Amino acid sequence: QVQLVESGGGLVQPRGSLRLSCAASGIIVSTNAMGWYRQAPGKLRDAVATITSGGSISYADSVKGRFTIFRDNTKNTVYLQMNSLKPEDTAVYYCYAGTALYGYWGQGTQVTVSS
């Protein structure tokens, strides 16, 4: 059974930082595609950052230079380091794991950027 548990969300002021964590069980993060997506109220869920099993990384244009995705294979966890946060980054952030056959989602963690 695959489980993805996100943590690290919260309320932060503009230009602040947060680090999201996605602890995986039932799946190995280093051998599967992993990613972070976000969904703001009234909008579709969009990709923020992804990392393949081979280590290739891609970012949404809106977060390039501010967000960093990385994984700790020893902890089987994927992280999203978010710096220079903006109000428009406010959303529910979801962790995603993709195998050859299935995709799995975490329950989401709320990130609110506001003064």
N, C-alpha and C. Protein backbone atom coordinates (compact mmCIF):
# COMPACT_ATOMS: atom_id res chain seq x y z
N GLN A 1 0.86 -1.19 0.00
CA GLN A 1 0.00 0.00 0.00
C GLN A 1 0.89 1.24 0.00
N VAL A 2 0.65 2.11 -0.97
CA VAL A 2 1.45 3.32 -1.10
C VAL A 2 0.82 4.44 -0.27
N GLN A 3 1.65 5.10 0.51
CA GLN A 3 1.20 6.27 1.27
C GLN A 3 2.20 7.38 1.09
N LEU A 4 1.68 8.58 0.87
CA LEU A 4 2.48 9.79 0.78
C LEU A 4 1.95 10.76 1.82
N VAL A 5 2.78 11.16 2.74
CA VAL A 5 2.34 12.03 3.82
C VAL A 5 3.11 13.34 3.76
N GLU A 6 2.39 14.41 3.44
CA GLU A 6 3.02 15.73 3.35
C GLU A 6 3.00 16.42 4.70
N SER A 7 3.96 17.27 4.90
CA SER A 7 4.02 18.11 6.09
C SER A 7 4.84 19.36 5.77
N GLY A 8 4.75 20.33 6.66
CA GLY A 8 5.57 21.53 6.51
C GLY A 8 4.83 22.76 6.03
N GLY A 9 3.56 22.63 5.70
CA GLY A 9 2.81 23.79 5.26
C GLY A 9 2.50 24.72 6.43
N GLY A 10 1.94 25.87 6.09
CA GLY A 10 1.58 26.82 7.14
C GLY A 10 1.42 28.21 6.59
N LEU A 11 1.37 29.15 7.51
CA LEU A 11 1.23 30.57 7.17
C LEU A 11 2.61 31.22 7.22
N VAL A 12 2.95 31.93 6.17
CA VAL A 12 4.25 32.59 6.10
C VAL A 12 4.06 33.96 5.45
N GLN A 13 4.90 34.89 5.84
CA GLN A 13 4.83 36.22 5.26
C GLN A 13 5.49 36.25 3.88
N PRO A 14 5.11 37.18 3.04
CA PRO A 14 5.78 37.33 1.73
C PRO A 14 7.28 37.46 1.92
N ARG A 15 8.01 36.83 0.99
CA ARG A 15 9.48 36.77 0.99
C ARG A 15 10.02 35.78 2.03
N GLY A 16 9.11 35.08 2.70
CA GLY A 16 9.55 34.06 3.64
C GLY A 16 9.83 32.74 2.96
N SER A 17 10.16 31.73 3.79
CA SER A 17 10.52 30.40 3.29
C SER A 17 9.76 29.32 4.04
N LEU A 18 9.55 28.22 3.34
CA LEU A 18 8.99 27.01 3.94
C LEU A 18 9.64 25.81 3.26
N ARG A 19 9.70 24.71 4.00
CA ARG A 19 10.15 23.45 3.40
C ARG A 19 9.06 22.42 3.58
N LEU A 20 8.55 21.89 2.50
CA LEU A 20 7.57 20.82 2.53
C LEU A 20 8.27 19.47 2.45
N SER A 21 7.70 18.52 3.16
CA SER A 21 8.23 17.15 3.15
C SER A 21 7.16 16.19 2.67
N CYS A 22 7.57 15.17 1.97
CA CYS A 22 6.67 14.10 1.53
C CYS A 22 7.33 12.78 1.90
N ALA A 23 6.86 12.19 2.98
CA ALA A 23 7.39 10.91 3.44
C ALA A 23 6.62 9.79 2.75
N ALA A 24 7.35 8.93 2.05
CA ALA A 24 6.72 7.87 1.26
C ALA A 24 6.88 6.51 1.93
N SER A 25 5.85 5.70 1.80
CA SER A 25 5.92 4.30 2.21
C SER A 25 5.24 3.47 1.14
N GLY A 26 5.75 2.25 0.94
CA GLY A 26 5.19 1.39 -0.09
C GLY A 26 5.69 1.70 -1.48
N ILE A 27 6.58 2.67 -1.59
CA ILE A 27 7.15 3.07 -2.86
C ILE A 27 8.52 3.66 -2.58
N ILE A 28 9.46 3.46 -3.49
CA ILE A 28 10.81 3.97 -3.31
C ILE A 28 10.97 5.25 -4.12
N VAL A 29 11.26 6.35 -3.43
CA VAL A 29 11.27 7.64 -4.13
C VAL A 29 12.40 7.73 -5.14
N SER A 30 13.49 7.00 -4.92
CA SER A 30 14.63 7.14 -5.82
C SER A 30 14.44 6.38 -7.14
N THR A 31 13.48 5.48 -7.20
CA THR A 31 13.30 4.68 -8.41
C THR A 31 11.99 4.99 -9.13
N ASN A 32 11.32 6.03 -8.70
CA ASN A 32 10.07 6.44 -9.33
C ASN A 32 10.04 7.95 -9.54
N ALA A 33 9.19 8.38 -10.43
CA ALA A 33 9.01 9.82 -10.63
C ALA A 33 8.25 10.40 -9.45
N MET A 34 8.72 11.52 -8.96
CA MET A 34 8.07 12.19 -7.83
C MET A 34 7.84 13.65 -8.20
N GLY A 35 6.86 14.26 -7.56
CA GLY A 35 6.62 15.65 -7.87
C GLY A 35 5.78 16.36 -6.84
N TRP A 36 5.78 17.67 -6.95
CA TRP A 36 4.92 18.52 -6.15
C TRP A 36 3.98 19.28 -7.08
N TYR A 37 2.72 19.29 -6.71
CA TYR A 37 1.69 20.01 -7.45
C TYR A 37 0.98 20.94 -6.47
N ARG A 38 0.27 21.90 -7.01
CA ARG A 38 -0.49 22.78 -6.14
C ARG A 38 -1.81 23.15 -6.79
N GLN A 39 -2.76 23.45 -5.91
CA GLN A 39 -4.09 23.82 -6.38
C GLN A 39 -4.60 24.98 -5.54
N ALA A 40 -4.81 26.10 -6.19
CA ALA A 40 -5.39 27.27 -5.53
C ALA A 40 -6.91 27.22 -5.68
N PRO A 41 -7.66 27.90 -4.81
CA PRO A 41 -9.12 27.88 -4.91
C PRO A 41 -9.61 28.31 -6.28
N GLY A 42 -10.49 27.51 -6.85
CA GLY A 42 -11.06 27.84 -8.15
C GLY A 42 -10.16 27.59 -9.34
N LYS A 43 -9.01 26.98 -9.09
CA LYS A 43 -8.07 26.73 -10.19
C LYS A 43 -7.76 25.25 -10.31
N LEU A 44 -7.18 24.88 -11.43
CA LEU A 44 -6.78 23.50 -11.65
C LEU A 44 -5.50 23.18 -10.88
N ARG A 45 -5.26 21.90 -10.66
CA ARG A 45 -4.03 21.47 -10.03
C ARG A 45 -2.90 21.51 -11.06
N ASP A 46 -1.83 22.20 -10.72
CA ASP A 46 -0.71 22.39 -11.64
C ASP A 46 0.59 21.82 -11.06
N ALA A 47 1.45 21.40 -11.95
CA ALA A 47 2.76 20.92 -11.52
C ALA A 47 3.63 22.09 -11.07
N VAL A 48 4.33 21.89 -9.99
CA VAL A 48 5.26 22.88 -9.46
C VAL A 48 6.70 22.45 -9.74
N ALA A 49 7.01 21.21 -9.37
CA ALA A 49 8.36 20.68 -9.55
C ALA A 49 8.28 19.17 -9.62
N THR A 50 9.09 18.59 -10.50
CA THR A 50 9.12 17.14 -10.63
C THR A 50 10.57 16.66 -10.71
N ILE A 51 10.76 15.42 -10.28
CA ILE A 51 12.08 14.79 -10.37
C ILE A 51 11.87 13.36 -10.82
N THR A 52 12.63 12.96 -11.84
CA THR A 52 12.49 11.60 -12.36
C THR A 52 13.39 10.65 -11.58
N SER A 53 13.23 9.36 -11.86
CA SER A 53 14.08 8.37 -11.20
C SER A 53 15.54 8.58 -11.56
N GLY A 54 15.79 9.14 -12.74
CA GLY A 54 17.15 9.41 -13.16
C GLY A 54 17.71 10.71 -12.62
N GLY A 55 16.87 11.47 -11.92
CA GLY A 55 17.34 12.71 -11.31
C GLY A 55 17.09 13.96 -12.14
N SER A 56 16.41 13.83 -13.27
CA SER A 56 16.08 15.03 -14.05
C SER A 56 14.99 15.82 -13.35
N ILE A 57 15.20 17.12 -13.29
CA ILE A 57 14.29 18.00 -12.55
C ILE A 57 13.70 19.05 -13.48
N SER A 58 12.44 19.36 -13.25
CA SER A 58 11.80 20.45 -13.98
C SER A 58 10.96 21.27 -13.01
N TYR A 59 10.83 22.55 -13.33
CA TYR A 59 10.07 23.48 -12.51
C TYR A 59 9.08 24.26 -13.36
N ALA A 60 7.99 24.64 -12.75
CA ALA A 60 7.09 25.59 -13.39
C ALA A 60 7.83 26.93 -13.51
N ASP A 61 7.56 27.65 -14.58
CA ASP A 61 8.24 28.94 -14.79
C ASP A 61 8.05 29.88 -13.61
N SER A 62 6.90 29.81 -12.98
CA SER A 62 6.56 30.75 -11.91
C SER A 62 7.39 30.54 -10.65
N VAL A 63 8.04 29.37 -10.53
CA VAL A 63 8.80 29.11 -9.30
C VAL A 63 10.30 28.92 -9.54
N LYS A 64 10.72 28.98 -10.79
CA LYS A 64 12.14 28.80 -11.11
C LYS A 64 12.99 29.82 -10.37
N GLY A 65 14.06 29.35 -9.77
CA GLY A 65 14.94 30.23 -9.03
C GLY A 65 14.52 30.47 -7.60
N ARG A 66 13.32 30.04 -7.25
CA ARG A 66 12.82 30.22 -5.88
C ARG A 66 12.58 28.90 -5.16
N PHE A 67 12.15 27.87 -5.89
CA PHE A 67 11.83 26.58 -5.30
C PHE A 67 12.87 25.55 -5.72
N THR A 68 13.11 24.59 -4.83
CA THR A 68 14.04 23.50 -5.12
C THR A 68 13.43 22.19 -4.66
N ILE A 69 13.39 21.21 -5.55
CA ILE A 69 12.93 19.87 -5.20
C ILE A 69 14.15 18.99 -5.02
N PHE A 70 14.13 18.18 -3.98
CA PHE A 70 15.23 17.24 -3.77
C PHE A 70 14.71 16.07 -2.95
N ARG A 71 15.46 15.00 -2.94
CA ARG A 71 15.04 13.81 -2.21
C ARG A 71 16.17 13.31 -1.32
N ASP A 72 15.77 12.71 -0.23
CA ASP A 72 16.70 12.03 0.68
C ASP A 72 16.38 10.55 0.61
N ASN A 73 17.21 9.82 -0.11
CA ASN A 73 16.92 8.40 -0.31
C ASN A 73 16.99 7.61 0.99
N THR A 74 17.80 8.05 1.92
CA THR A 74 17.92 7.33 3.19
C THR A 74 16.64 7.44 4.01
N LYS A 75 15.91 8.53 3.82
CA LYS A 75 14.65 8.73 4.54
C LYS A 75 13.44 8.44 3.66
N ASN A 76 13.70 8.10 2.40
CA ASN A 76 12.61 7.85 1.44
C ASN A 76 11.62 9.02 1.43
N THR A 77 12.17 10.21 1.36
CA THR A 77 11.37 11.44 1.47
C THR A 77 11.77 12.42 0.37
N VAL A 78 10.77 13.12 -0.15
CA VAL A 78 11.00 14.17 -1.14
C VAL A 78 10.64 15.50 -0.50
N TYR A 79 11.43 16.51 -0.81
CA TYR A 79 11.23 17.83 -0.21
C TYR A 79 10.99 18.88 -1.28
N LEU A 80 10.36 19.96 -0.86
CA LEU A 80 10.24 21.14 -1.70
C LEU A 80 10.65 22.34 -0.84
N GLN A 81 11.81 22.88 -1.13
CA GLN A 81 12.27 24.07 -0.44
C GLN A 81 11.73 25.29 -1.20
N MET A 82 10.99 26.11 -0.50
CA MET A 82 10.34 27.26 -1.12
C MET A 82 10.87 28.54 -0.48
N ASN A 83 11.53 29.35 -1.28
CA ASN A 83 12.08 30.62 -0.83
C ASN A 83 11.40 31.78 -1.55
N SER A 84 11.57 32.96 -1.00
CA SER A 84 11.01 34.17 -1.62
C SER A 84 9.54 33.99 -1.97
N LEU A 85 8.79 33.49 -1.03
CA LEU A 85 7.38 33.17 -1.28
C LEU A 85 6.57 34.42 -1.57
N LYS A 86 5.59 34.25 -2.44
CA LYS A 86 4.71 35.33 -2.86
C LYS A 86 3.27 34.96 -2.52
N PRO A 87 2.41 35.95 -2.39
CA PRO A 87 0.99 35.64 -2.12
C PRO A 87 0.39 34.69 -3.16
N GLU A 88 0.84 34.79 -4.39
CA GLU A 88 0.29 33.92 -5.44
C GLU A 88 0.76 32.48 -5.31
N ASP A 89 1.65 32.19 -4.39
CA ASP A 89 2.04 30.81 -4.11
C ASP A 89 1.06 30.12 -3.16
N THR A 90 0.10 30.87 -2.66
CA THR A 90 -0.90 30.31 -1.75
C THR A 90 -1.71 29.22 -2.45
N ALA A 91 -1.73 28.03 -1.86
CA ALA A 91 -2.43 26.89 -2.46
C ALA A 91 -2.31 25.69 -1.53
N VAL A 92 -3.04 24.65 -1.87
CA VAL A 92 -2.80 23.35 -1.26
C VAL A 92 -1.75 22.64 -2.10
N TYR A 93 -0.70 22.18 -1.46
CA TYR A 93 0.40 21.51 -2.15
C TYR A 93 0.28 20.01 -1.95
N TYR A 94 0.39 19.29 -3.07
CA TYR A 94 0.24 17.83 -3.06
C TYR A 94 1.52 17.16 -3.55
N CYS A 95 1.86 16.09 -2.89
CA CYS A 95 2.96 15.24 -3.34
C CYS A 95 2.40 14.19 -4.29
N TYR A 96 3.18 13.87 -5.31
CA TYR A 96 2.76 12.88 -6.30
C TYR A 96 3.88 11.88 -6.54
N ALA A 97 3.48 10.62 -6.69
CA ALA A 97 4.43 9.56 -7.05
C ALA A 97 3.87 8.81 -8.24
N GLY A 98 4.70 8.66 -9.26
CA GLY A 98 4.25 7.99 -10.47
C GLY A 98 5.06 6.75 -10.78
N THR A 99 4.40 5.61 -10.85
CA THR A 99 5.06 4.39 -11.27
C THR A 99 4.71 4.14 -12.73
N ALA A 100 5.15 3.00 -13.26
CA ALA A 100 4.84 2.67 -14.64
C ALA A 100 3.35 2.46 -14.86
N LEU A 101 2.65 2.08 -13.79
CA LEU A 101 1.24 1.73 -13.94
C LEU A 101 0.30 2.70 -13.24
N TYR A 102 0.70 3.26 -12.13
CA TYR A 102 -0.22 4.04 -11.31
C TYR A 102 0.40 5.36 -10.87
N GLY A 103 -0.49 6.27 -10.49
CA GLY A 103 -0.08 7.51 -9.86
C GLY A 103 -0.71 7.60 -8.49
N TYR A 104 0.01 8.18 -7.56
CA TYR A 104 -0.47 8.27 -6.19
C TYR A 104 -0.35 9.72 -5.70
N TRP A 105 -1.32 10.12 -4.89
CA TRP A 105 -1.34 11.47 -4.35
C TRP A 105 -1.33 11.44 -2.83
N GLY A 106 -0.69 12.44 -2.25
CA GLY A 106 -0.82 12.64 -0.82
C GLY A 106 -2.09 13.42 -0.52
N GLN A 107 -2.29 13.71 0.77
CA GLN A 107 -3.54 14.35 1.18
C GLN A 107 -3.48 15.86 1.03
N GLY A 108 -2.29 16.40 0.83
CA GLY A 108 -2.14 17.83 0.63
C GLY A 108 -1.81 18.57 1.91
N THR A 109 -1.10 19.68 1.75
CA THR A 109 -0.78 20.55 2.88
C THR A 109 -0.97 22.00 2.43
N GLN A 110 -1.62 22.77 3.28
CA GLN A 110 -1.96 24.15 2.93
C GLN A 110 -0.75 25.07 3.13
N VAL A 111 -0.49 25.88 2.13
CA VAL A 111 0.52 26.94 2.23
C VAL A 111 -0.18 28.26 1.98
N THR A 112 -0.08 29.16 2.95
CA THR A 112 -0.70 30.47 2.83
C THR A 112 0.38 31.54 2.99
N VAL A 113 0.51 32.39 1.98
CA VAL A 113 1.49 33.46 2.01
C VAL A 113 0.74 34.78 2.14
N SER A 114 0.88 35.39 3.30
CA SER A 114 0.10 36.60 3.58
C SER A 114 0.77 37.39 4.69
N SER A 115 0.63 38.70 4.60
CA SER A 115 1.14 39.56 5.67
C SER A 115 0.05 39.85 6.68
